N, C-alpha and C. Protein backbone atom coordinates (compact mmCIF):
# COMPACT_ATOMS: atom_id res chain seq x y z
N ARG A 1 -42.52 27.61 22.13
CA ARG A 1 -41.54 26.89 23.07
C ARG A 1 -40.22 26.84 22.63
N ALA A 2 -39.78 27.71 21.65
CA ALA A 2 -38.42 27.80 21.16
C ALA A 2 -37.49 27.98 22.27
N ALA A 3 -36.25 27.50 22.41
CA ALA A 3 -35.46 27.62 23.34
C ALA A 3 -33.94 27.70 22.85
N GLY A 4 -33.11 28.35 23.57
CA GLY A 4 -31.62 28.37 23.27
C GLY A 4 -31.25 29.58 22.37
N LEU A 5 -29.85 29.57 22.15
CA LEU A 5 -29.41 30.62 21.24
C LEU A 5 -30.10 30.63 19.83
N TRP A 6 -30.30 29.45 19.31
CA TRP A 6 -30.89 29.40 18.03
C TRP A 6 -32.38 29.26 17.92
N GLN A 7 -33.07 29.39 19.17
CA GLN A 7 -34.51 29.38 19.16
C GLN A 7 -35.05 28.11 18.49
N ILE A 8 -34.64 26.89 18.83
CA ILE A 8 -35.14 25.67 18.23
C ILE A 8 -36.40 25.15 18.97
N MET A 9 -37.42 24.84 18.22
CA MET A 9 -38.60 24.24 18.86
C MET A 9 -38.38 22.82 19.21
N PRO A 10 -39.07 22.32 20.15
CA PRO A 10 -38.90 20.98 20.55
C PRO A 10 -38.96 19.87 19.44
N ARG A 11 -40.03 19.97 18.72
CA ARG A 11 -40.12 18.97 17.65
C ARG A 11 -39.11 19.15 16.58
N THR A 12 -38.51 20.42 16.32
CA THR A 12 -37.33 20.47 15.42
C THR A 12 -36.12 19.86 16.02
N GLY A 13 -36.11 19.96 17.29
CA GLY A 13 -34.75 19.64 17.84
C GLY A 13 -34.57 17.99 17.82
N LYS A 14 -35.59 17.23 17.85
CA LYS A 14 -35.54 15.89 17.82
C LYS A 14 -34.90 15.31 16.55
N PRO A 15 -35.15 15.64 15.45
CA PRO A 15 -34.54 15.18 14.20
C PRO A 15 -33.22 15.68 14.07
N LEU A 16 -32.79 16.75 14.76
CA LEU A 16 -31.44 17.27 14.78
C LEU A 16 -30.61 16.54 15.80
N ALA A 17 -31.13 15.52 16.52
CA ALA A 17 -30.30 14.87 17.51
C ALA A 17 -30.03 15.73 18.70
N LEU A 18 -30.95 16.72 18.94
CA LEU A 18 -30.77 17.59 20.25
C LEU A 18 -31.53 16.98 21.29
N GLU A 19 -30.88 16.26 22.14
CA GLU A 19 -31.63 15.54 23.33
C GLU A 19 -32.24 16.53 24.27
N GLN A 20 -33.47 16.06 24.58
CA GLN A 20 -34.25 16.95 25.59
C GLN A 20 -34.79 16.04 26.65
N ASN A 21 -34.41 16.17 27.85
CA ASN A 21 -34.87 15.39 29.01
C ASN A 21 -34.78 16.15 30.21
N TRP A 22 -35.12 15.73 31.39
CA TRP A 22 -35.27 16.30 32.61
C TRP A 22 -33.96 16.96 32.92
N TRP A 23 -32.84 16.41 32.67
CA TRP A 23 -31.53 16.77 33.19
C TRP A 23 -30.91 17.83 32.14
N TYR A 24 -31.23 17.71 30.84
CA TYR A 24 -30.41 18.26 29.78
C TYR A 24 -31.23 18.76 28.62
N ASP A 25 -30.94 19.89 27.96
CA ASP A 25 -31.68 20.37 26.80
C ASP A 25 -30.69 20.71 25.79
N GLY A 26 -30.49 19.86 24.74
CA GLY A 26 -29.58 20.20 23.69
C GLY A 26 -29.73 21.35 23.06
N ARG A 27 -31.02 21.91 22.92
CA ARG A 27 -31.40 23.11 22.29
C ARG A 27 -30.75 24.35 22.92
N ARG A 28 -30.45 24.12 24.19
CA ARG A 28 -29.81 25.28 25.06
C ARG A 28 -28.43 25.15 25.06
N ASP A 29 -27.74 24.01 24.78
CA ASP A 29 -26.33 23.77 24.70
C ASP A 29 -25.74 24.56 23.56
N ILE A 30 -24.80 25.45 23.90
CA ILE A 30 -24.00 26.31 22.89
C ILE A 30 -23.50 25.60 21.75
N ARG A 31 -22.78 24.50 22.00
CA ARG A 31 -22.02 23.83 20.96
C ARG A 31 -23.03 22.78 20.12
N THR A 32 -23.70 22.19 20.85
CA THR A 32 -24.69 21.17 20.30
C THR A 32 -25.86 21.91 19.45
N SER A 33 -26.39 22.94 20.13
CA SER A 33 -27.44 23.60 19.22
C SER A 33 -26.87 24.37 18.05
N THR A 34 -25.70 24.82 18.06
CA THR A 34 -25.07 25.49 17.00
C THR A 34 -24.88 24.57 15.90
N ARG A 35 -24.20 23.35 16.20
CA ARG A 35 -24.12 22.34 15.17
C ARG A 35 -25.54 21.89 14.57
N GLY A 36 -26.50 21.71 15.43
CA GLY A 36 -27.71 21.40 14.88
C GLY A 36 -28.34 22.46 14.05
N ALA A 37 -28.34 23.61 14.46
CA ALA A 37 -28.83 24.74 13.76
C ALA A 37 -28.25 24.94 12.34
N LEU A 38 -26.94 24.82 12.32
CA LEU A 38 -26.12 24.96 10.97
C LEU A 38 -26.49 23.81 10.09
N ASP A 39 -26.66 22.48 10.60
CA ASP A 39 -27.11 21.40 9.87
C ASP A 39 -28.41 21.61 9.26
N TYR A 40 -29.38 22.15 10.00
CA TYR A 40 -30.77 22.43 9.90
C TYR A 40 -30.88 23.43 8.59
N LEU A 41 -29.99 24.55 8.82
CA LEU A 41 -30.05 25.56 7.81
C LEU A 41 -29.50 25.11 6.52
N GLU A 42 -28.40 24.24 6.48
CA GLU A 42 -27.92 23.67 5.37
C GLU A 42 -28.98 22.73 4.59
N SER A 43 -29.69 22.00 5.36
CA SER A 43 -30.77 21.09 4.80
C SER A 43 -31.87 21.92 4.28
N LEU A 44 -32.26 23.01 4.95
CA LEU A 44 -33.40 23.74 4.44
C LEU A 44 -32.91 24.54 3.09
N ASN A 45 -31.67 24.86 3.07
CA ASN A 45 -31.17 25.51 1.89
C ASN A 45 -31.05 24.68 0.76
N GLN A 46 -30.77 23.42 0.88
CA GLN A 46 -30.81 22.37 -0.23
C GLN A 46 -32.27 22.22 -0.68
N ARG A 47 -33.17 22.19 0.35
CA ARG A 47 -34.62 21.93 0.16
C ARG A 47 -35.23 23.07 -0.76
N PHE A 48 -34.74 24.21 -0.50
CA PHE A 48 -35.21 25.53 -1.30
C PHE A 48 -34.24 26.03 -2.28
N ASP A 49 -33.57 24.87 -2.93
CA ASP A 49 -32.60 25.18 -4.11
C ASP A 49 -31.73 26.38 -3.83
N GLY A 50 -31.12 26.48 -2.75
CA GLY A 50 -30.14 27.60 -2.50
C GLY A 50 -30.69 28.94 -2.19
N ASP A 51 -32.00 28.98 -2.09
CA ASP A 51 -32.59 30.39 -1.89
C ASP A 51 -32.53 30.65 -0.40
N TRP A 52 -31.66 31.71 0.02
CA TRP A 52 -31.44 31.89 1.41
C TRP A 52 -32.81 32.71 2.06
N MET A 53 -33.51 33.41 1.27
CA MET A 53 -34.69 34.07 1.77
C MET A 53 -35.71 33.01 2.16
N LEU A 54 -35.96 31.95 1.40
CA LEU A 54 -36.84 30.98 1.66
C LEU A 54 -36.38 30.02 2.80
N THR A 55 -35.06 29.89 2.77
CA THR A 55 -34.35 29.16 3.90
C THR A 55 -34.58 29.85 5.20
N LEU A 56 -34.43 31.08 5.27
CA LEU A 56 -34.68 31.69 6.61
C LEU A 56 -36.09 31.76 6.99
N ALA A 57 -36.99 31.86 6.02
CA ALA A 57 -38.44 31.86 6.19
C ALA A 57 -38.88 30.54 6.78
N ALA A 58 -38.33 29.48 6.26
CA ALA A 58 -38.46 28.15 6.64
C ALA A 58 -37.98 27.80 8.09
N TYR A 59 -36.83 28.43 8.27
CA TYR A 59 -36.27 28.19 9.69
C TYR A 59 -37.26 28.94 10.70
N ASN A 60 -37.87 29.96 10.36
CA ASN A 60 -38.65 30.62 11.25
C ASN A 60 -40.10 30.00 11.27
N ALA A 61 -40.75 29.69 10.19
CA ALA A 61 -42.14 29.29 10.19
C ALA A 61 -42.18 27.80 9.96
N GLY A 62 -41.19 27.18 9.48
CA GLY A 62 -41.20 25.63 9.25
C GLY A 62 -41.25 25.39 7.82
N LYS A 63 -40.60 24.34 7.37
CA LYS A 63 -40.52 24.12 5.89
C LYS A 63 -41.72 23.77 5.28
N GLY A 64 -42.73 23.06 6.06
CA GLY A 64 -43.92 22.64 5.55
C GLY A 64 -44.86 23.90 5.36
N ARG A 65 -44.80 24.86 6.18
CA ARG A 65 -45.63 26.13 6.01
C ARG A 65 -45.19 26.86 4.77
N VAL A 66 -43.77 26.81 4.51
CA VAL A 66 -43.31 27.71 3.43
C VAL A 66 -43.69 26.87 2.14
N GLY A 67 -43.49 25.48 2.13
CA GLY A 67 -43.80 24.75 1.02
C GLY A 67 -45.24 24.83 0.60
N LYS A 68 -46.10 24.82 1.69
CA LYS A 68 -47.55 24.98 1.32
C LYS A 68 -47.92 26.41 0.72
N ALA A 69 -47.30 27.31 1.24
CA ALA A 69 -47.53 28.67 0.68
C ALA A 69 -47.01 28.73 -0.81
N GLN A 70 -45.83 28.00 -1.03
CA GLN A 70 -45.46 27.96 -2.46
C GLN A 70 -46.42 27.23 -3.53
N ARG A 71 -47.04 26.05 -2.89
CA ARG A 71 -47.82 25.24 -3.66
C ARG A 71 -49.11 26.12 -3.99
N ARG A 72 -49.48 26.87 -2.95
CA ARG A 72 -50.77 27.73 -3.08
C ARG A 72 -50.45 28.72 -4.29
N ASN A 73 -49.33 29.24 -4.20
CA ASN A 73 -49.00 30.27 -5.31
C ASN A 73 -48.95 29.69 -6.62
N LEU A 74 -48.40 28.44 -6.63
CA LEU A 74 -48.27 27.68 -7.99
C LEU A 74 -49.64 27.49 -8.51
N ARG A 75 -50.57 27.08 -7.78
CA ARG A 75 -52.00 26.78 -8.13
C ARG A 75 -52.64 28.13 -8.67
N GLN A 76 -52.15 29.22 -8.14
CA GLN A 76 -52.72 30.57 -8.62
C GLN A 76 -51.90 31.07 -9.71
N ASP A 77 -50.98 30.44 -10.31
CA ASP A 77 -50.02 31.11 -11.29
C ASP A 77 -49.38 32.35 -10.76
N LYS A 78 -48.84 32.43 -9.39
CA LYS A 78 -48.15 33.38 -8.91
C LYS A 78 -46.68 32.95 -8.67
N PRO A 79 -45.76 33.96 -8.57
CA PRO A 79 -44.43 33.61 -8.15
C PRO A 79 -44.24 32.88 -6.88
N THR A 80 -43.20 32.10 -6.62
CA THR A 80 -43.00 31.37 -5.44
C THR A 80 -41.88 31.82 -4.62
N ASP A 81 -41.28 33.06 -4.93
CA ASP A 81 -40.16 33.57 -4.16
C ASP A 81 -40.72 34.22 -2.89
N TYR A 82 -39.83 34.28 -1.84
CA TYR A 82 -40.20 34.90 -0.52
C TYR A 82 -41.03 35.92 -0.53
N TRP A 83 -40.78 37.04 -1.35
CA TRP A 83 -41.71 38.25 -1.16
C TRP A 83 -43.06 38.01 -1.66
N SER A 84 -43.24 36.91 -2.50
CA SER A 84 -44.66 36.77 -3.12
C SER A 84 -45.50 35.80 -2.34
N LEU A 85 -44.97 35.16 -1.14
CA LEU A 85 -45.68 34.32 -0.45
C LEU A 85 -46.53 34.89 0.68
N ARG A 86 -47.61 34.24 1.00
CA ARG A 86 -48.46 34.56 2.03
C ARG A 86 -48.12 33.77 3.35
N LEU A 87 -47.28 34.53 4.24
CA LEU A 87 -46.74 33.83 5.40
C LEU A 87 -47.10 34.55 6.66
N PRO A 88 -46.87 33.93 7.78
CA PRO A 88 -47.26 34.53 9.11
C PRO A 88 -46.54 35.89 9.13
N ASN A 89 -47.21 36.78 10.00
CA ASN A 89 -46.61 38.12 10.14
C ASN A 89 -45.29 38.11 10.73
N GLU A 90 -45.21 37.13 11.61
CA GLU A 90 -43.70 37.02 12.36
C GLU A 90 -42.73 36.59 11.30
N THR A 91 -42.91 35.75 10.40
CA THR A 91 -42.00 35.39 9.39
C THR A 91 -41.83 36.50 8.39
N ARG A 92 -42.88 37.30 8.03
CA ARG A 92 -42.74 38.31 7.12
C ARG A 92 -41.77 39.38 7.63
N ALA A 93 -41.80 39.48 8.98
CA ALA A 93 -40.80 40.54 9.56
C ALA A 93 -39.51 39.97 9.85
N TYR A 94 -39.44 38.59 10.13
CA TYR A 94 -38.20 37.92 10.53
C TYR A 94 -37.07 38.04 9.44
N VAL A 95 -37.43 37.67 8.24
CA VAL A 95 -36.29 37.80 7.10
C VAL A 95 -35.91 39.17 6.92
N PRO A 96 -36.70 40.23 6.74
CA PRO A 96 -36.23 41.49 6.63
C PRO A 96 -35.21 42.04 7.67
N LYS A 97 -35.61 41.64 9.05
CA LYS A 97 -34.81 41.85 10.11
C LYS A 97 -33.31 41.33 10.03
N ILE A 98 -33.40 40.01 9.56
CA ILE A 98 -32.06 39.36 9.30
C ILE A 98 -31.21 40.10 8.35
N ILE A 99 -31.87 40.51 7.20
CA ILE A 99 -31.34 41.22 6.12
C ILE A 99 -30.73 42.57 6.71
N ALA A 100 -31.65 43.35 7.31
CA ALA A 100 -31.15 44.55 7.97
C ALA A 100 -29.90 44.47 8.91
N LEU A 101 -29.93 43.40 9.78
CA LEU A 101 -28.89 43.14 10.63
C LEU A 101 -27.61 42.85 9.87
N THR A 102 -27.65 42.04 8.81
CA THR A 102 -26.38 41.85 7.98
C THR A 102 -25.82 43.14 7.44
N GLN A 103 -26.68 43.98 6.96
CA GLN A 103 -26.27 45.43 6.40
C GLN A 103 -25.71 46.24 7.52
N ILE A 104 -26.27 46.30 8.63
CA ILE A 104 -25.80 47.10 9.74
C ILE A 104 -24.31 46.54 10.13
N ILE A 105 -24.13 45.24 10.33
CA ILE A 105 -22.88 44.74 10.72
C ILE A 105 -21.85 44.93 9.60
N ALA A 106 -22.27 44.84 8.31
CA ALA A 106 -21.30 44.94 7.33
C ALA A 106 -20.81 46.51 7.10
N ASP A 107 -21.74 47.45 7.39
CA ASP A 107 -21.27 48.76 7.24
C ASP A 107 -21.98 49.62 8.43
N PRO A 108 -21.45 49.42 9.68
CA PRO A 108 -22.16 50.19 10.76
C PRO A 108 -22.03 51.70 10.63
N ASP A 109 -21.06 52.29 10.01
CA ASP A 109 -20.81 53.69 9.86
C ASP A 109 -21.98 54.38 9.13
N ARG A 110 -22.41 53.66 8.08
CA ARG A 110 -23.38 54.02 7.18
C ARG A 110 -24.68 54.27 7.79
N TYR A 111 -24.94 53.43 9.04
CA TYR A 111 -26.17 53.50 9.64
C TYR A 111 -26.02 54.15 11.01
N ASN A 112 -24.86 54.77 11.24
CA ASN A 112 -24.65 55.48 12.49
C ASN A 112 -24.74 54.50 13.71
N ALA A 113 -24.36 53.38 13.59
CA ALA A 113 -24.40 52.27 14.61
C ALA A 113 -22.95 51.99 15.21
N LYS A 114 -23.01 52.05 16.56
CA LYS A 114 -21.75 51.64 17.26
C LYS A 114 -21.79 50.28 17.68
N LEU A 115 -21.00 49.48 17.15
CA LEU A 115 -20.96 48.05 17.44
C LEU A 115 -19.72 47.79 18.46
N ALA A 116 -19.95 47.07 19.51
CA ALA A 116 -18.86 46.78 20.40
C ALA A 116 -17.95 45.69 19.71
N PRO A 117 -16.57 46.00 19.76
CA PRO A 117 -15.72 45.01 19.05
C PRO A 117 -15.79 43.56 19.74
N VAL A 118 -15.83 42.60 18.97
CA VAL A 118 -15.77 41.32 19.47
C VAL A 118 -14.49 40.57 19.06
N ALA A 119 -13.79 40.12 20.01
CA ALA A 119 -12.50 39.43 19.69
C ALA A 119 -12.63 38.17 18.93
N ASN A 120 -11.83 38.01 18.00
CA ASN A 120 -12.01 36.72 17.09
C ASN A 120 -11.05 35.66 17.89
N GLN A 121 -11.52 35.22 19.01
CA GLN A 121 -10.83 34.26 19.75
C GLN A 121 -11.92 33.37 20.49
N PRO A 122 -11.46 32.29 20.85
CA PRO A 122 -12.44 31.38 21.75
C PRO A 122 -13.01 31.97 22.87
N ALA A 123 -14.32 31.68 23.31
CA ALA A 123 -14.89 32.34 24.40
C ALA A 123 -14.95 31.37 25.65
N PHE A 124 -14.58 30.14 25.34
CA PHE A 124 -14.64 29.10 26.42
C PHE A 124 -13.67 27.89 26.00
N GLU A 125 -13.46 27.07 26.98
CA GLU A 125 -12.68 25.84 26.64
C GLU A 125 -13.49 24.69 27.31
N VAL A 126 -13.31 23.51 26.98
CA VAL A 126 -13.94 22.36 27.46
C VAL A 126 -13.14 21.74 28.54
N ALA A 127 -13.76 21.33 29.60
CA ALA A 127 -12.98 20.60 30.71
C ALA A 127 -13.77 19.29 30.91
N SER A 128 -13.09 18.26 31.35
CA SER A 128 -13.56 16.93 31.68
C SER A 128 -14.00 16.96 33.17
N THR A 129 -15.26 16.45 33.35
CA THR A 129 -15.73 16.36 34.70
C THR A 129 -15.57 14.93 35.29
N GLY A 130 -15.13 14.02 34.41
CA GLY A 130 -14.97 12.56 34.81
C GLY A 130 -16.20 11.92 35.31
N GLY A 131 -17.36 12.47 35.00
CA GLY A 131 -18.64 11.83 35.53
C GLY A 131 -19.64 13.03 35.93
N GLN A 132 -20.64 12.59 36.61
CA GLN A 132 -21.61 13.62 37.00
C GLN A 132 -21.08 14.43 38.17
N LEU A 133 -21.30 15.69 38.19
CA LEU A 133 -20.83 16.65 39.14
C LEU A 133 -21.74 17.83 39.31
N GLU A 134 -21.93 18.18 40.80
CA GLU A 134 -22.69 19.27 41.12
C GLU A 134 -22.21 20.54 40.48
N LEU A 135 -23.05 21.41 40.04
CA LEU A 135 -22.69 22.60 39.35
C LEU A 135 -21.88 23.67 40.32
N PHE A 136 -22.54 23.59 41.50
CA PHE A 136 -22.04 24.47 42.61
C PHE A 136 -20.53 24.16 42.86
N ARG A 137 -20.31 22.77 42.97
CA ARG A 137 -18.93 22.14 43.28
C ARG A 137 -18.04 22.61 42.06
N ALA A 138 -18.60 22.40 40.95
CA ALA A 138 -17.83 22.75 39.61
C ALA A 138 -17.41 24.23 39.62
N ALA A 139 -18.36 25.05 39.98
CA ALA A 139 -17.96 26.44 40.03
C ALA A 139 -16.83 26.81 41.00
N LYS A 140 -16.90 26.13 42.18
CA LYS A 140 -15.96 26.38 43.24
C LYS A 140 -14.53 25.90 42.66
N LEU A 141 -14.62 24.66 42.12
CA LEU A 141 -13.30 24.15 41.62
C LEU A 141 -12.71 25.07 40.56
N ALA A 142 -13.64 25.68 39.78
CA ALA A 142 -13.09 26.59 38.64
C ALA A 142 -12.90 28.01 39.12
N ASN A 143 -13.18 28.25 40.48
CA ASN A 143 -13.04 29.54 41.14
C ASN A 143 -13.75 30.68 40.16
N MET A 144 -15.08 30.32 40.09
CA MET A 144 -15.83 31.29 39.32
C MET A 144 -17.29 31.26 40.10
N GLU A 145 -18.14 32.13 39.56
CA GLU A 145 -19.45 32.33 40.17
C GLU A 145 -20.36 31.26 39.47
N LEU A 146 -21.39 30.76 40.33
CA LEU A 146 -22.21 29.64 39.70
C LEU A 146 -23.05 30.24 38.54
N LYS A 147 -23.44 31.56 38.61
CA LYS A 147 -24.18 32.09 37.53
C LYS A 147 -23.36 32.15 36.27
N ALA A 148 -22.12 32.45 36.33
CA ALA A 148 -21.35 32.50 35.16
C ALA A 148 -21.06 31.02 34.59
N LEU A 149 -21.01 30.10 35.36
CA LEU A 149 -20.81 28.76 34.92
C LEU A 149 -22.09 28.29 34.27
N ARG A 150 -23.22 28.60 34.72
CA ARG A 150 -24.54 28.36 34.17
C ARG A 150 -24.82 28.91 32.99
N ALA A 151 -24.25 30.34 32.74
CA ALA A 151 -24.35 30.96 31.51
C ALA A 151 -23.57 30.23 30.39
N LEU A 152 -22.47 29.73 30.66
CA LEU A 152 -21.68 28.99 29.78
C LEU A 152 -22.18 27.51 29.34
N ASN A 153 -23.12 26.92 30.35
CA ASN A 153 -23.63 25.68 30.28
C ASN A 153 -25.10 25.72 30.37
N PRO A 154 -25.83 26.41 29.61
CA PRO A 154 -27.23 26.59 29.73
C PRO A 154 -28.08 25.27 29.37
N GLY A 155 -27.44 24.36 28.73
CA GLY A 155 -27.99 23.06 28.45
C GLY A 155 -28.16 22.26 29.70
N GLN A 156 -27.47 22.41 30.74
CA GLN A 156 -27.61 21.72 31.97
C GLN A 156 -28.73 22.29 32.85
N LEU A 157 -29.80 21.59 33.06
CA LEU A 157 -31.09 22.28 33.60
C LEU A 157 -31.10 22.05 34.99
N ARG A 158 -30.39 21.03 35.78
CA ARG A 158 -30.52 20.82 37.06
C ARG A 158 -29.39 21.35 37.95
N TRP A 159 -29.34 20.89 39.22
CA TRP A 159 -28.21 21.24 40.04
C TRP A 159 -26.87 20.50 39.80
N ALA A 160 -26.89 19.51 39.01
CA ALA A 160 -25.79 18.75 38.68
C ALA A 160 -25.77 18.52 37.10
N THR A 161 -24.46 18.09 36.70
CA THR A 161 -24.43 17.73 35.12
C THR A 161 -25.31 16.58 34.85
N ALA A 162 -25.69 16.50 33.62
CA ALA A 162 -26.56 15.45 33.33
C ALA A 162 -25.81 14.10 33.30
N PRO A 163 -26.33 12.97 33.76
CA PRO A 163 -25.82 11.73 33.93
C PRO A 163 -25.49 11.05 32.56
N ASP A 164 -26.26 11.26 31.60
CA ASP A 164 -26.23 10.58 30.31
C ASP A 164 -25.63 11.38 29.19
N GLN A 165 -24.94 12.43 29.56
CA GLN A 165 -24.26 13.30 28.46
C GLN A 165 -22.79 13.06 28.57
N PRO A 166 -22.10 13.57 27.70
CA PRO A 166 -20.65 13.52 27.87
C PRO A 166 -20.17 14.25 29.22
N ALA A 167 -19.16 13.59 29.78
CA ALA A 167 -18.80 14.14 31.02
C ALA A 167 -17.83 15.34 30.88
N GLU A 168 -18.48 16.51 30.53
CA GLU A 168 -17.64 17.74 30.28
C GLU A 168 -18.44 18.93 30.47
N ILE A 169 -17.90 20.03 30.76
CA ILE A 169 -18.54 21.45 30.98
C ILE A 169 -17.62 22.41 30.22
N LEU A 170 -18.29 23.50 29.91
CA LEU A 170 -17.45 24.60 29.41
C LEU A 170 -17.15 25.67 30.44
N LEU A 171 -15.87 26.07 30.33
CA LEU A 171 -15.27 27.06 31.32
C LEU A 171 -14.60 28.13 30.67
N PRO A 172 -14.42 29.28 31.25
CA PRO A 172 -13.78 30.28 30.60
C PRO A 172 -12.32 30.01 30.13
N VAL A 173 -11.88 30.55 29.22
CA VAL A 173 -10.53 30.23 28.71
C VAL A 173 -9.48 30.33 29.71
N GLY A 174 -8.66 29.29 29.79
CA GLY A 174 -7.51 29.48 30.72
C GLY A 174 -7.80 28.85 32.02
N THR A 175 -8.97 28.31 32.23
CA THR A 175 -9.31 27.69 33.61
C THR A 175 -9.47 26.17 33.67
N ALA A 176 -9.61 25.63 32.44
CA ALA A 176 -9.80 24.12 32.40
C ALA A 176 -8.64 23.36 33.03
N GLU A 177 -7.47 23.62 32.85
CA GLU A 177 -6.30 22.82 33.32
C GLU A 177 -6.32 22.87 34.81
N LYS A 178 -6.54 24.08 35.51
CA LYS A 178 -6.63 24.22 36.84
C LYS A 178 -7.89 23.52 37.40
N PHE A 179 -8.94 23.59 36.75
CA PHE A 179 -10.25 22.85 37.27
C PHE A 179 -9.97 21.49 37.34
N GLU A 180 -9.46 20.74 36.16
CA GLU A 180 -9.19 19.45 36.12
C GLU A 180 -8.22 18.98 37.18
N SER A 181 -7.28 19.64 37.41
CA SER A 181 -6.32 19.40 38.51
C SER A 181 -6.92 19.44 39.89
N ALA A 182 -7.92 20.37 40.22
CA ALA A 182 -8.49 20.46 41.44
C ALA A 182 -9.50 19.21 41.56
N LEU A 183 -10.15 18.91 40.39
CA LEU A 183 -11.17 17.81 40.37
C LEU A 183 -10.48 16.48 40.67
N ALA A 184 -9.19 16.38 40.19
CA ALA A 184 -8.43 15.12 40.41
C ALA A 184 -8.23 14.78 41.93
N SER A 185 -8.30 15.72 42.72
CA SER A 185 -8.00 15.45 44.23
C SER A 185 -9.51 15.60 45.09
N LEU A 186 -10.54 15.68 44.19
CA LEU A 186 -11.78 15.57 44.98
C LEU A 186 -12.20 14.17 45.28
N PRO A 187 -12.46 14.04 46.71
CA PRO A 187 -12.82 12.65 47.21
C PRO A 187 -13.97 12.16 46.53
N PRO A 188 -14.00 10.80 46.38
CA PRO A 188 -15.29 10.14 45.63
C PRO A 188 -16.53 10.56 46.40
N ALA A 189 -16.56 10.62 47.85
CA ALA A 189 -17.66 10.96 48.54
C ALA A 189 -18.31 12.28 48.10
N GLN A 190 -17.53 13.07 47.47
CA GLN A 190 -18.08 14.40 47.15
C GLN A 190 -18.60 14.40 45.57
N ARG A 191 -18.45 13.29 45.07
CA ARG A 191 -18.99 13.12 43.73
C ARG A 191 -20.50 12.91 43.75
N VAL A 192 -21.22 13.10 42.56
CA VAL A 192 -22.52 12.65 42.46
C VAL A 192 -22.77 11.27 42.18
N ALA A 193 -23.66 10.55 42.77
CA ALA A 193 -23.88 9.09 42.49
C ALA A 193 -25.27 8.83 42.59
N TRP A 194 -25.88 8.13 41.68
CA TRP A 194 -27.26 7.88 41.52
C TRP A 194 -27.51 6.40 41.27
N GLN A 195 -28.56 6.00 42.04
CA GLN A 195 -29.24 4.58 41.75
C GLN A 195 -30.66 4.83 41.57
N HIS A 196 -31.04 4.34 40.41
CA HIS A 196 -32.50 4.62 39.98
C HIS A 196 -33.17 3.32 40.48
N TYR A 197 -34.42 3.56 41.16
CA TYR A 197 -35.15 2.44 41.69
C TYR A 197 -36.63 2.69 41.11
N ARG A 198 -37.32 1.82 40.55
CA ARG A 198 -38.75 1.94 40.08
C ARG A 198 -39.57 1.26 41.34
N ILE A 199 -40.40 2.10 41.79
CA ILE A 199 -41.30 1.79 42.82
C ILE A 199 -42.26 0.63 42.30
N GLU A 200 -42.34 -0.48 42.99
CA GLU A 200 -43.27 -1.44 42.54
C GLU A 200 -44.69 -1.23 43.07
């Protein structure tokens, strides 16, 4: 049940403060999940004494499973490096794939790979919604397709922004100011308002 750009499991997301509820999933949120994943990788790297092979294995299989494999090897007087551990097949393939990917990106000509250039510039900007807002209305105010808005805000799971999250959304670069200006003239009746009632 891994989700989002960083493929974070539900149980892993909780200690990383990635909120998961009916409205919102922080594991899918581009900025929140990236911060969480980088914090998690840093924590794992410290746990495995700076060994990035073991860090990546633990990111994929879980630090408990990698630690258990190391303890098993220690009991058998075997090495405890990544290549010596008995790990799930997925993890045994995961780390070499990451290594291969870094090599291809570092020297695409050597591997006859054609990589599309990626501009070193922001891909989005943050706009204030001033409260909960329907995504369809937000897309109209930003003059963009709803599908494109959802692609930038995959953590928003429902038809409107989450009520208990920061009142902001991600928009294409250069559109936030115009969006916020259009939003300022939005009548209160066209805003989302909720009252929670527990049935007795």
